[in-house]
N, C-alpha and C. Protein backbone atom coordinates (compact mmCIF):
# COMPACT_ATOMS: atom_id res chain seq x y z
N MET A 1 53.58 86.21 59.82
CA MET A 1 53.34 87.62 60.07
C MET A 1 52.15 87.68 61.06
N MET A 2 52.27 88.58 61.99
CA MET A 2 51.16 88.78 62.97
C MET A 2 50.27 89.89 62.41
N GLU A 3 49.10 89.52 61.97
CA GLU A 3 48.19 90.49 61.36
C GLU A 3 47.72 91.49 62.44
N MET A 4 47.48 92.75 61.97
CA MET A 4 46.97 93.77 62.92
C MET A 4 45.53 93.43 63.25
N TYR A 5 45.21 93.44 64.48
CA TYR A 5 43.86 93.16 64.95
C TYR A 5 43.19 94.52 65.24
N VAL A 6 42.15 94.80 64.48
CA VAL A 6 41.38 96.07 64.66
C VAL A 6 40.21 95.77 65.58
N VAL A 7 40.16 96.54 66.72
CA VAL A 7 39.14 96.31 67.68
C VAL A 7 37.90 97.04 67.32
N PRO A 8 36.78 96.28 67.18
CA PRO A 8 35.46 96.93 66.91
C PRO A 8 35.09 97.84 68.13
N LYS A 9 34.48 98.99 67.82
CA LYS A 9 34.07 99.84 68.90
C LYS A 9 33.08 99.15 69.85
N SER A 10 32.32 98.21 69.37
CA SER A 10 31.29 97.59 70.22
C SER A 10 31.95 96.70 71.30
N VAL A 11 33.17 96.23 71.10
CA VAL A 11 33.80 95.36 72.09
C VAL A 11 34.98 96.07 72.78
N ARG A 12 35.21 97.32 72.42
CA ARG A 12 36.42 98.06 73.06
C ARG A 12 36.17 98.22 74.52
N ALA A 13 35.02 98.61 74.88
CA ALA A 13 34.67 98.82 76.35
C ALA A 13 34.78 97.55 77.19
N SER A 14 34.30 96.43 76.55
CA SER A 14 34.36 95.14 77.24
C SER A 14 35.84 94.73 77.45
N LEU A 15 36.70 94.96 76.45
CA LEU A 15 38.11 94.61 76.62
C LEU A 15 38.76 95.41 77.74
N VAL A 16 38.46 96.74 77.71
CA VAL A 16 38.99 97.59 78.73
C VAL A 16 38.54 97.12 80.16
N GLY A 17 37.28 96.73 80.19
CA GLY A 17 36.77 96.26 81.47
C GLY A 17 37.46 94.97 81.99
N VAL A 18 37.62 94.03 81.06
CA VAL A 18 38.26 92.74 81.41
C VAL A 18 39.68 92.91 81.90
N PHE A 19 40.46 93.62 81.10
CA PHE A 19 41.81 93.86 81.44
C PHE A 19 42.02 94.71 82.71
N THR A 20 41.13 95.72 82.84
CA THR A 20 41.17 96.53 84.08
C THR A 20 40.91 95.71 85.29
N ALA A 21 39.86 94.88 85.26
CA ALA A 21 39.54 94.03 86.34
C ALA A 21 40.63 93.06 86.74
N ALA A 22 41.28 92.50 85.71
CA ALA A 22 42.43 91.58 85.94
C ALA A 22 43.61 92.34 86.53
N ALA A 23 43.82 93.53 86.12
CA ALA A 23 44.96 94.32 86.60
C ALA A 23 44.79 94.67 88.03
N ILE A 24 43.60 95.13 88.40
CA ILE A 24 43.26 95.53 89.80
C ILE A 24 43.26 94.30 90.73
N ALA A 25 42.62 93.21 90.34
CA ALA A 25 42.56 92.06 91.18
C ALA A 25 43.99 91.45 91.37
N GLY A 26 44.76 91.35 90.28
CA GLY A 26 46.05 90.83 90.40
C GLY A 26 46.98 91.63 91.22
N THR A 27 46.91 92.96 91.18
CA THR A 27 47.77 93.87 91.88
C THR A 27 47.33 93.82 93.40
N PHE A 28 46.06 93.66 93.66
CA PHE A 28 45.65 93.47 95.03
C PHE A 28 46.24 92.21 95.61
N ALA A 29 46.23 91.13 94.86
CA ALA A 29 46.76 89.89 95.32
C ALA A 29 48.23 89.94 95.59
N LEU A 30 48.91 90.87 94.85
CA LEU A 30 50.39 90.93 94.98
C LEU A 30 50.81 92.07 95.96
N SER A 31 49.79 92.69 96.55
CA SER A 31 50.04 93.84 97.40
C SER A 31 51.06 93.63 98.53
N PRO A 32 51.04 92.35 99.16
CA PRO A 32 52.05 92.12 100.19
C PRO A 32 53.46 92.18 99.75
N LEU A 33 53.66 92.12 98.43
CA LEU A 33 55.06 92.21 97.83
C LEU A 33 55.34 93.66 97.44
N PRO A 34 56.25 94.28 98.11
CA PRO A 34 56.53 95.71 97.85
C PRO A 34 56.88 95.97 96.38
N ASN A 35 56.17 96.85 95.73
CA ASN A 35 56.52 97.37 94.33
C ASN A 35 56.41 96.25 93.31
N VAL A 36 55.57 95.24 93.51
CA VAL A 36 55.28 94.27 92.52
C VAL A 36 53.81 94.37 92.13
N GLU A 37 53.55 94.64 90.87
CA GLU A 37 52.19 94.87 90.39
C GLU A 37 52.04 94.32 88.97
N ILE A 38 50.83 94.13 88.52
CA ILE A 38 50.60 93.72 87.15
C ILE A 38 49.81 94.63 86.32
N ILE A 39 49.59 95.87 86.79
CA ILE A 39 48.98 96.86 85.98
C ILE A 39 49.74 97.22 84.73
N THR A 40 51.09 97.36 84.93
CA THR A 40 51.93 97.60 83.82
C THR A 40 51.82 96.47 82.82
N PHE A 41 51.84 95.18 83.29
CA PHE A 41 51.72 94.00 82.45
C PHE A 41 50.45 94.03 81.65
N CYS A 42 49.34 94.28 82.35
CA CYS A 42 48.03 94.22 81.66
C CYS A 42 47.86 95.32 80.68
N ALA A 43 48.35 96.50 81.00
CA ALA A 43 48.25 97.63 80.08
C ALA A 43 49.07 97.43 78.83
N PHE A 44 50.28 96.90 79.02
CA PHE A 44 51.22 96.67 77.89
C PHE A 44 50.65 95.60 76.99
N VAL A 45 50.17 94.49 77.53
CA VAL A 45 49.59 93.40 76.75
C VAL A 45 48.35 93.83 75.97
N ALA A 46 47.46 94.58 76.66
CA ALA A 46 46.28 95.10 75.99
C ALA A 46 46.62 96.02 74.85
N GLY A 47 47.68 96.85 75.12
CA GLY A 47 48.13 97.79 74.07
C GLY A 47 48.73 97.04 72.85
N PHE A 48 49.54 96.02 73.09
CA PHE A 48 50.13 95.28 72.05
C PHE A 48 49.16 94.55 71.17
N ILE A 49 48.17 93.95 71.79
CA ILE A 49 47.20 93.13 71.02
C ILE A 49 46.11 94.02 70.42
N PHE A 50 45.56 94.96 71.17
CA PHE A 50 44.40 95.68 70.71
C PHE A 50 44.66 97.19 70.41
N GLY A 51 45.87 97.59 70.59
CA GLY A 51 46.15 99.01 70.20
C GLY A 51 46.42 99.92 71.35
N SER A 52 47.06 101.06 71.08
CA SER A 52 47.48 101.94 72.15
C SER A 52 46.29 102.53 72.92
N ARG A 53 45.16 102.78 72.16
CA ARG A 53 44.02 103.40 72.83
C ARG A 53 43.50 102.50 73.94
N VAL A 54 43.33 101.19 73.63
CA VAL A 54 42.88 100.27 74.65
C VAL A 54 43.91 100.09 75.77
N GLY A 55 45.19 99.96 75.39
CA GLY A 55 46.20 99.76 76.38
C GLY A 55 46.38 100.95 77.32
N SER A 56 46.37 102.13 76.81
CA SER A 56 46.56 103.29 77.69
C SER A 56 45.37 103.53 78.59
N THR A 57 44.16 103.21 78.11
CA THR A 57 42.94 103.30 78.91
C THR A 57 42.98 102.31 80.06
N VAL A 58 43.38 101.06 79.72
CA VAL A 58 43.47 100.06 80.76
C VAL A 58 44.48 100.46 81.83
N GLY A 59 45.66 100.96 81.47
CA GLY A 59 46.64 101.42 82.44
C GLY A 59 46.14 102.60 83.27
N ALA A 60 45.60 103.57 82.68
CA ALA A 60 45.13 104.81 83.42
C ALA A 60 43.98 104.42 84.36
N LEU A 61 42.98 103.75 83.82
CA LEU A 61 41.80 103.43 84.64
C LEU A 61 42.14 102.43 85.78
N SER A 62 42.94 101.45 85.52
CA SER A 62 43.35 100.46 86.56
C SER A 62 44.07 101.18 87.68
N MET A 63 45.02 102.04 87.30
CA MET A 63 45.80 102.74 88.32
C MET A 63 44.99 103.72 89.11
N PHE A 64 44.03 104.40 88.48
CA PHE A 64 43.17 105.33 89.16
C PHE A 64 42.30 104.65 90.21
N ILE A 65 41.67 103.52 89.75
CA ILE A 65 40.75 102.80 90.68
C ILE A 65 41.54 102.20 91.84
N PHE A 66 42.70 101.53 91.48
CA PHE A 66 43.51 100.85 92.52
C PHE A 66 43.98 101.91 93.57
N SER A 67 44.49 102.97 93.09
CA SER A 67 44.98 104.02 94.02
C SER A 67 43.97 104.56 94.92
N ILE A 68 42.76 104.61 94.46
CA ILE A 68 41.64 105.18 95.31
C ILE A 68 41.12 104.10 96.38
N ILE A 69 40.94 102.90 95.86
CA ILE A 69 40.26 101.91 96.82
C ILE A 69 41.26 101.09 97.63
N SER A 70 42.57 101.08 97.22
CA SER A 70 43.51 100.28 98.01
C SER A 70 44.14 100.97 99.15
N PRO A 71 44.36 100.30 100.22
CA PRO A 71 45.04 100.95 101.34
C PRO A 71 46.55 101.21 101.00
N TYR A 72 47.04 100.61 99.94
CA TYR A 72 48.41 100.83 99.51
C TYR A 72 48.48 101.89 98.45
N GLY A 73 47.37 102.44 98.04
CA GLY A 73 47.32 103.44 96.99
C GLY A 73 47.52 104.83 97.56
N SER A 74 47.75 105.84 96.59
CA SER A 74 47.94 107.23 97.07
C SER A 74 46.62 107.91 97.48
N GLY A 75 45.49 107.46 96.79
CA GLY A 75 44.20 108.09 97.16
C GLY A 75 44.08 109.50 96.63
N LEU A 76 42.92 110.08 96.78
CA LEU A 76 42.60 111.40 96.39
C LEU A 76 43.28 112.49 97.27
N GLY A 77 43.84 112.05 98.38
CA GLY A 77 44.53 113.01 99.22
C GLY A 77 45.80 113.49 98.65
N TYR A 78 46.37 112.83 97.66
CA TYR A 78 47.68 113.16 97.06
C TYR A 78 47.40 113.30 95.50
N PRO A 79 46.72 114.40 95.10
CA PRO A 79 46.35 114.51 93.69
C PRO A 79 47.49 114.49 92.72
N PHE A 80 48.58 115.10 93.10
CA PHE A 80 49.68 115.15 92.07
C PHE A 80 50.35 113.79 91.93
N LEU A 81 50.43 113.09 93.05
CA LEU A 81 50.98 111.69 92.92
C LEU A 81 50.05 110.79 92.18
N LEU A 82 48.76 110.92 92.42
CA LEU A 82 47.79 110.19 91.71
C LEU A 82 47.83 110.43 90.22
N MET A 83 47.98 111.75 89.86
CA MET A 83 48.04 112.08 88.47
C MET A 83 49.24 111.48 87.76
N THR A 84 50.43 111.54 88.42
CA THR A 84 51.63 110.90 87.80
C THR A 84 51.47 109.38 87.72
N GLN A 85 50.83 108.78 88.67
CA GLN A 85 50.59 107.34 88.60
C GLN A 85 49.77 106.97 87.41
N VAL A 86 48.72 107.69 87.21
CA VAL A 86 47.80 107.47 86.07
C VAL A 86 48.46 107.69 84.75
N VAL A 87 49.26 108.74 84.66
CA VAL A 87 49.99 108.98 83.42
C VAL A 87 51.07 107.96 83.20
N GLY A 88 51.78 107.55 84.24
CA GLY A 88 52.79 106.54 84.07
C GLY A 88 52.31 105.23 83.62
N MET A 89 51.16 104.79 84.12
CA MET A 89 50.64 103.50 83.72
C MET A 89 49.97 103.56 82.26
N SER A 90 49.50 104.74 81.86
CA SER A 90 48.96 104.83 80.52
C SER A 90 50.09 104.77 79.54
N VAL A 91 51.30 105.21 79.94
CA VAL A 91 52.39 105.08 79.03
C VAL A 91 52.73 103.59 78.75
N ALA A 92 52.57 102.70 79.74
CA ALA A 92 52.80 101.27 79.50
C ALA A 92 51.96 100.76 78.31
N GLY A 93 50.69 101.18 78.32
CA GLY A 93 49.80 100.81 77.16
C GLY A 93 50.23 101.39 75.87
N LEU A 94 50.74 102.64 75.90
CA LEU A 94 51.17 103.29 74.66
C LEU A 94 52.40 102.54 74.12
N PHE A 95 53.34 102.12 75.03
CA PHE A 95 54.50 101.35 74.64
C PHE A 95 54.11 100.06 73.99
N GLY A 96 53.15 99.38 74.57
CA GLY A 96 52.70 98.14 73.96
C GLY A 96 52.16 98.34 72.55
N GLY A 97 51.33 99.38 72.41
CA GLY A 97 50.75 99.66 71.13
C GLY A 97 51.81 100.05 70.08
N SER A 98 52.84 100.82 70.54
CA SER A 98 53.91 101.25 69.60
C SER A 98 54.71 100.05 69.06
N LEU A 99 54.79 98.91 69.87
CA LEU A 99 55.57 97.76 69.39
C LEU A 99 54.73 96.90 68.50
N LYS A 100 53.44 97.16 68.40
CA LYS A 100 52.56 96.34 67.65
C LYS A 100 52.97 96.22 66.14
N LYS A 101 53.29 97.37 65.58
CA LYS A 101 53.75 97.38 64.15
C LYS A 101 55.11 96.98 64.07
N VAL A 102 56.01 97.32 65.01
CA VAL A 102 57.38 96.98 64.90
C VAL A 102 57.60 95.45 64.82
N LEU A 103 56.73 94.72 65.62
CA LEU A 103 56.93 93.29 65.75
C LEU A 103 55.90 92.49 65.00
N GLN A 104 55.22 93.09 64.06
CA GLN A 104 54.17 92.37 63.36
C GLN A 104 54.72 91.23 62.43
N ASN A 105 56.03 91.29 62.15
CA ASN A 105 56.59 90.21 61.34
C ASN A 105 57.35 89.17 62.17
N PHE A 106 57.14 89.16 63.44
CA PHE A 106 57.78 88.25 64.41
C PHE A 106 56.77 87.56 65.24
N LYS A 107 57.07 86.30 65.54
CA LYS A 107 56.22 85.57 66.53
C LYS A 107 56.29 86.22 67.86
N SER A 108 55.25 86.16 68.62
CA SER A 108 55.21 86.75 69.92
C SER A 108 56.14 86.16 70.92
N THR A 109 56.61 84.96 70.63
CA THR A 109 57.52 84.25 71.50
C THR A 109 58.94 84.14 70.97
N SER A 110 59.24 84.88 69.92
CA SER A 110 60.57 84.90 69.36
C SER A 110 61.48 85.62 70.31
N PRO A 111 62.79 85.27 70.22
CA PRO A 111 63.77 85.93 71.09
C PRO A 111 63.78 87.44 70.95
N TRP A 112 63.65 87.98 69.75
CA TRP A 112 63.63 89.39 69.53
C TRP A 112 62.45 90.07 70.20
N THR A 113 61.28 89.42 70.13
CA THR A 113 60.08 89.93 70.76
C THR A 113 60.28 89.96 72.30
N MET A 114 60.75 88.88 72.82
CA MET A 114 60.93 88.78 74.27
C MET A 114 61.93 89.77 74.72
N TYR A 115 62.93 90.02 73.94
CA TYR A 115 64.01 91.04 74.31
C TYR A 115 63.42 92.41 74.36
N LEU A 116 62.61 92.83 73.24
CA LEU A 116 61.99 94.10 73.30
C LEU A 116 60.95 94.28 74.30
N PHE A 117 60.23 93.24 74.60
CA PHE A 117 59.23 93.30 75.70
C PHE A 117 59.95 93.59 77.03
N GLY A 118 61.07 92.88 77.29
CA GLY A 118 61.80 93.06 78.48
C GLY A 118 62.37 94.45 78.61
N VAL A 119 62.97 94.94 77.52
CA VAL A 119 63.55 96.33 77.54
C VAL A 119 62.42 97.35 77.79
N SER A 120 61.26 97.15 77.17
CA SER A 120 60.19 98.03 77.35
C SER A 120 59.70 98.07 78.79
N GLY A 121 59.72 96.83 79.38
CA GLY A 121 59.34 96.70 80.78
C GLY A 121 60.24 97.59 81.67
N ALA A 122 61.54 97.51 81.45
CA ALA A 122 62.56 98.33 82.20
C ALA A 122 62.34 99.75 81.92
N ALA A 123 62.15 100.17 80.71
CA ALA A 123 61.94 101.58 80.35
C ALA A 123 60.66 102.21 80.94
N VAL A 124 59.56 101.56 80.75
CA VAL A 124 58.29 102.17 81.33
C VAL A 124 58.26 102.17 82.80
N THR A 125 58.97 101.19 83.45
CA THR A 125 59.01 101.15 84.94
C THR A 125 59.88 102.23 85.52
N LEU A 126 61.02 102.44 84.85
CA LEU A 126 61.90 103.49 85.32
C LEU A 126 61.19 104.87 85.13
N LEU A 127 60.64 105.06 83.99
CA LEU A 127 59.88 106.31 83.76
C LEU A 127 58.81 106.53 84.78
N TYR A 128 58.05 105.41 85.05
CA TYR A 128 56.99 105.56 86.08
C TYR A 128 57.53 105.93 87.44
N ASP A 129 58.65 105.30 87.83
CA ASP A 129 59.15 105.60 89.14
C ASP A 129 59.73 107.02 89.26
N VAL A 130 60.25 107.50 88.14
CA VAL A 130 60.82 108.91 88.15
C VAL A 130 59.73 109.90 88.27
N ILE A 131 58.61 109.75 87.45
CA ILE A 131 57.61 110.77 87.50
C ILE A 131 56.74 110.72 88.73
N THR A 132 56.59 109.47 89.27
CA THR A 132 55.84 109.36 90.52
C THR A 132 56.62 109.86 91.73
N THR A 133 57.91 109.77 91.67
CA THR A 133 58.76 110.45 92.69
C THR A 133 58.60 111.94 92.67
N LEU A 134 58.51 112.48 91.46
CA LEU A 134 58.28 113.93 91.29
C LEU A 134 56.85 114.30 91.83
N GLY A 135 55.95 113.38 91.55
CA GLY A 135 54.57 113.66 92.01
C GLY A 135 54.41 113.55 93.47
N PHE A 136 55.23 112.70 94.07
CA PHE A 136 55.26 112.56 95.60
C PHE A 136 55.89 113.81 96.20
N MET A 137 56.90 114.36 95.59
CA MET A 137 57.62 115.50 96.13
C MET A 137 56.78 116.81 96.07
N TYR A 138 56.09 116.96 94.92
CA TYR A 138 55.38 118.23 94.74
C TYR A 138 54.09 118.28 95.59
N PRO A 139 53.79 119.40 96.24
CA PRO A 139 54.53 120.73 96.22
C PRO A 139 55.34 120.97 97.48
N THR A 140 55.49 119.91 98.36
CA THR A 140 56.07 120.18 99.66
C THR A 140 57.61 120.04 99.69
N ILE A 141 58.15 119.25 98.81
CA ILE A 141 59.62 118.99 98.79
C ILE A 141 60.21 119.65 97.58
N PRO A 142 61.32 120.47 97.76
CA PRO A 142 61.92 121.13 96.62
C PRO A 142 62.47 120.12 95.64
N PHE A 143 62.36 120.40 94.32
CA PHE A 143 62.82 119.49 93.32
C PHE A 143 64.34 119.35 93.43
N SER A 144 65.01 120.26 94.01
CA SER A 144 66.49 120.10 94.14
C SER A 144 66.83 118.93 95.02
N GLU A 145 65.84 118.39 95.78
CA GLU A 145 66.14 117.25 96.61
C GLU A 145 65.75 115.92 95.92
N PHE A 146 65.45 116.02 94.64
CA PHE A 146 65.06 114.82 93.88
C PHE A 146 66.12 113.74 93.90
N PRO A 147 67.45 114.04 93.67
CA PRO A 147 68.42 112.95 93.71
C PRO A 147 68.44 112.16 95.05
N SER A 148 68.36 112.86 96.13
CA SER A 148 68.36 112.17 97.46
C SER A 148 67.08 111.34 97.65
N VAL A 149 65.99 111.96 97.27
CA VAL A 149 64.67 111.26 97.51
C VAL A 149 64.68 110.03 96.60
N PHE A 150 65.03 110.15 95.34
CA PHE A 150 65.05 109.00 94.40
C PHE A 150 66.03 107.93 94.84
N ALA A 151 67.21 108.33 95.31
CA ALA A 151 68.22 107.43 95.82
C ALA A 151 67.73 106.56 96.94
N ALA A 152 66.87 107.20 97.88
CA ALA A 152 66.34 106.50 98.92
C ALA A 152 65.38 105.39 98.54
N GLY A 153 64.82 105.48 97.35
CA GLY A 153 63.91 104.50 96.88
C GLY A 153 64.50 103.55 95.86
N ILE A 154 65.79 103.55 95.69
CA ILE A 154 66.39 102.70 94.70
C ILE A 154 66.18 101.19 94.94
N PRO A 155 66.24 100.69 96.17
CA PRO A 155 65.88 99.21 96.34
C PRO A 155 64.50 98.87 95.85
N PHE A 156 63.53 99.80 96.17
CA PHE A 156 62.13 99.53 95.71
C PHE A 156 62.07 99.62 94.13
N THR A 157 62.78 100.58 93.55
CA THR A 157 62.78 100.69 92.13
C THR A 157 63.38 99.46 91.48
N LEU A 158 64.48 98.92 92.03
CA LEU A 158 65.13 97.72 91.48
C LEU A 158 64.11 96.54 91.49
N VAL A 159 63.37 96.40 92.63
CA VAL A 159 62.38 95.31 92.65
C VAL A 159 61.30 95.51 91.57
N HIS A 160 60.87 96.78 91.45
CA HIS A 160 59.80 97.09 90.49
C HIS A 160 60.35 96.81 89.01
N VAL A 161 61.49 97.23 88.71
CA VAL A 161 62.05 97.04 87.38
C VAL A 161 62.28 95.59 87.10
N VAL A 162 62.96 94.90 88.00
CA VAL A 162 63.19 93.44 87.79
C VAL A 162 61.96 92.64 87.60
N SER A 163 60.92 92.88 88.45
CA SER A 163 59.68 92.13 88.37
C SER A 163 58.98 92.40 87.09
N ASN A 164 58.97 93.67 86.60
CA ASN A 164 58.34 93.90 85.30
C ASN A 164 59.05 93.47 84.16
N VAL A 165 60.45 93.42 84.22
CA VAL A 165 61.20 92.85 83.12
C VAL A 165 60.89 91.38 82.99
N ILE A 166 60.74 90.65 84.06
CA ILE A 166 60.42 89.22 84.09
C ILE A 166 59.00 89.07 83.53
N LEU A 167 58.02 89.83 84.03
CA LEU A 167 56.67 89.68 83.63
C LEU A 167 56.51 89.99 82.09
N LEU A 168 57.07 91.09 81.68
CA LEU A 168 56.89 91.51 80.22
C LEU A 168 57.84 90.64 79.33
N GLY A 169 59.05 90.41 79.76
CA GLY A 169 60.03 89.73 78.84
C GLY A 169 59.82 88.24 78.77
N VAL A 170 59.27 87.60 79.85
CA VAL A 170 59.13 86.12 79.93
C VAL A 170 57.69 85.65 79.84
N VAL A 171 56.83 86.37 80.67
CA VAL A 171 55.40 85.86 80.79
C VAL A 171 54.55 86.44 79.60
N ALA A 172 54.66 87.75 79.38
CA ALA A 172 53.85 88.44 78.40
C ALA A 172 53.82 87.80 77.01
N PRO A 173 54.95 87.40 76.45
CA PRO A 173 54.96 86.79 75.10
C PRO A 173 54.00 85.60 75.04
N PHE A 174 54.00 84.78 75.99
CA PHE A 174 53.18 83.54 75.95
C PHE A 174 51.74 83.88 76.22
N VAL A 175 51.48 84.91 76.99
CA VAL A 175 50.04 85.33 77.22
C VAL A 175 49.54 85.95 75.92
N VAL A 176 50.36 86.75 75.20
CA VAL A 176 49.96 87.32 73.96
C VAL A 176 49.68 86.19 72.94
N ARG A 177 50.49 85.25 72.92
CA ARG A 177 50.29 84.12 71.93
C ARG A 177 48.98 83.41 72.21
N SER A 178 48.68 83.17 73.57
CA SER A 178 47.44 82.42 73.90
C SER A 178 46.27 83.32 73.56
N ILE A 179 46.27 84.55 73.80
CA ILE A 179 45.12 85.45 73.52
C ILE A 179 44.93 85.50 71.98
N ARG A 180 45.99 85.62 71.23
CA ARG A 180 45.84 85.66 69.76
C ARG A 180 45.26 84.32 69.28
N ALA A 181 45.64 83.23 69.81
CA ALA A 181 45.11 81.94 69.47
C ALA A 181 43.59 81.87 69.79
N MET A 182 43.22 82.49 70.90
CA MET A 182 41.82 82.46 71.26
C MET A 182 41.02 83.37 70.25
N LEU A 183 41.66 84.35 69.67
CA LEU A 183 41.04 85.18 68.70
C LEU A 183 40.98 84.59 67.31
N GLY A 184 41.58 83.38 67.22
CA GLY A 184 41.60 82.65 65.94
C GLY A 184 42.72 83.09 65.01
N GLU A 185 43.78 83.76 65.52
CA GLU A 185 44.89 84.17 64.71
C GLU A 185 46.01 83.18 64.83
N VAL A 186 46.67 82.97 63.70
CA VAL A 186 47.85 82.03 63.63
C VAL A 186 49.08 82.78 63.39
N GLU A 187 50.09 82.73 64.17
CA GLU A 187 51.30 83.43 63.96
C GLU A 187 52.31 82.61 63.17
N VAL A 188 52.85 83.22 62.12
CA VAL A 188 53.87 82.57 61.33
C VAL A 188 54.90 83.65 61.02
N GLY A 189 56.19 83.18 60.86
CA GLY A 189 57.19 84.09 60.45
C GLY A 189 57.01 84.70 59.15
N HIS A 190 57.55 85.83 58.85
CA HIS A 190 57.40 86.53 57.55
C HIS A 190 57.95 85.72 56.43
N ARG A 191 59.18 85.16 56.64
CA ARG A 191 59.79 84.36 55.52
C ARG A 191 58.97 83.06 55.29
N VAL A 192 58.60 82.41 56.35
CA VAL A 192 57.79 81.15 56.26
C VAL A 192 56.53 81.39 55.49
N ASP A 193 55.94 82.57 55.76
CA ASP A 193 54.70 82.87 55.11
C ASP A 193 54.81 83.01 53.64
N LYS A 194 55.92 83.62 53.19
CA LYS A 194 56.24 83.73 51.73
C LYS A 194 56.49 82.42 51.09
N GLU A 195 57.26 81.58 51.81
CA GLU A 195 57.61 80.23 51.27
C GLU A 195 56.39 79.45 51.09
N GLU A 196 55.43 79.50 52.07
CA GLU A 196 54.22 78.71 51.97
C GLU A 196 53.35 79.18 50.79
N LEU A 197 53.27 80.53 50.56
CA LEU A 197 52.52 80.99 49.48
C LEU A 197 53.13 80.59 48.15
N TYR A 198 54.51 80.58 48.06
CA TYR A 198 55.12 80.21 46.85
C TYR A 198 54.92 78.69 46.55
N GLU A 199 55.00 77.87 47.61
CA GLU A 199 54.76 76.44 47.44
C GLU A 199 53.36 76.08 46.97
N LYS A 200 52.40 76.82 47.55
CA LYS A 200 51.02 76.62 47.14
C LYS A 200 50.79 77.03 45.72
N ALA A 201 51.45 78.14 45.32
CA ALA A 201 51.36 78.56 43.94
C ALA A 201 51.94 77.58 42.96
N VAL A 202 53.03 77.01 43.29
CA VAL A 202 53.76 75.98 42.45
C VAL A 202 52.82 74.71 42.35
N GLU A 203 52.23 74.34 43.49
CA GLU A 203 51.34 73.15 43.49
C GLU A 203 50.20 73.41 42.57
N LYS A 204 49.57 74.57 42.64
CA LYS A 204 48.46 74.90 41.78
C LYS A 204 48.81 74.86 40.30
N MET A 205 50.04 75.37 39.97
CA MET A 205 50.45 75.42 38.59
C MET A 205 50.68 74.00 38.09
N GLU A 206 51.24 73.12 38.95
CA GLU A 206 51.47 71.73 38.53
C GLU A 206 50.14 71.01 38.36
N GLU A 207 49.20 71.26 39.28
CA GLU A 207 47.88 70.64 39.08
C GLU A 207 47.20 71.09 37.78
N ALA A 208 47.35 72.40 37.49
CA ALA A 208 46.82 72.85 36.23
C ALA A 208 47.43 72.26 35.05
N SER A 209 48.79 72.07 35.13
CA SER A 209 49.49 71.40 34.00
C SER A 209 49.04 70.03 33.84
N ASN A 210 48.83 69.29 34.88
CA ASN A 210 48.46 67.83 34.84
C ASN A 210 47.08 67.74 34.21
N VAL A 211 46.23 68.69 34.57
CA VAL A 211 44.90 68.66 33.96
C VAL A 211 44.87 68.82 32.43
N GLU A 212 45.76 69.79 32.01
CA GLU A 212 45.91 70.11 30.62
C GLU A 212 46.44 68.91 29.85
N VAL A 213 47.47 68.24 30.46
CA VAL A 213 48.11 67.12 29.81
C VAL A 213 47.04 66.01 29.71
N GLY A 214 46.24 65.75 30.77
CA GLY A 214 45.27 64.74 30.75
C GLY A 214 44.21 64.95 29.68
N ASN A 215 43.92 66.19 29.45
CA ASN A 215 42.92 66.48 28.45
C ASN A 215 43.48 66.31 26.99
């Protein structure tokens, strides 16, 4: 069972800072690749390990800073687009946090975990692309034109979705396992955990019986 990790308030800010820095630096490095970023990845992983509050903060803060300082970002000149970008990335952290309890009885690298991570990657990315398209359109383009505007960006959306499915479904589970190991946590399956406890109980009973017989 994967035990719930409660983040002390004293280290929450540090965690947000570390994940935010990694998200911004990594996305800058990937900027030459259209619609490939790791802010979604970092926000989701932070949310899954440390909770929705940390994950959503990482997503929102990373996207806000990146959009302002990057030549590839929307910047303050497009406030509605920036707002939808920030909201969209915060949702990635919320998704990660929501799966924390759902998958607490599964190893982070189990097929079920990897499947749900991948599905979540597709879902949050599609949601992000939909709401940021709306943010891009408002207030100059009528919302009635949304289908044609969104259709024009389908190739970029596909790249975005596929890259995040790979990052979350394949890479994230192993990153989660590594981080949990660094925190001193050991992952075991729910059934295995019960069997081990039962075996230990039987061993102790046998030891106690042997002591009584010897006396």
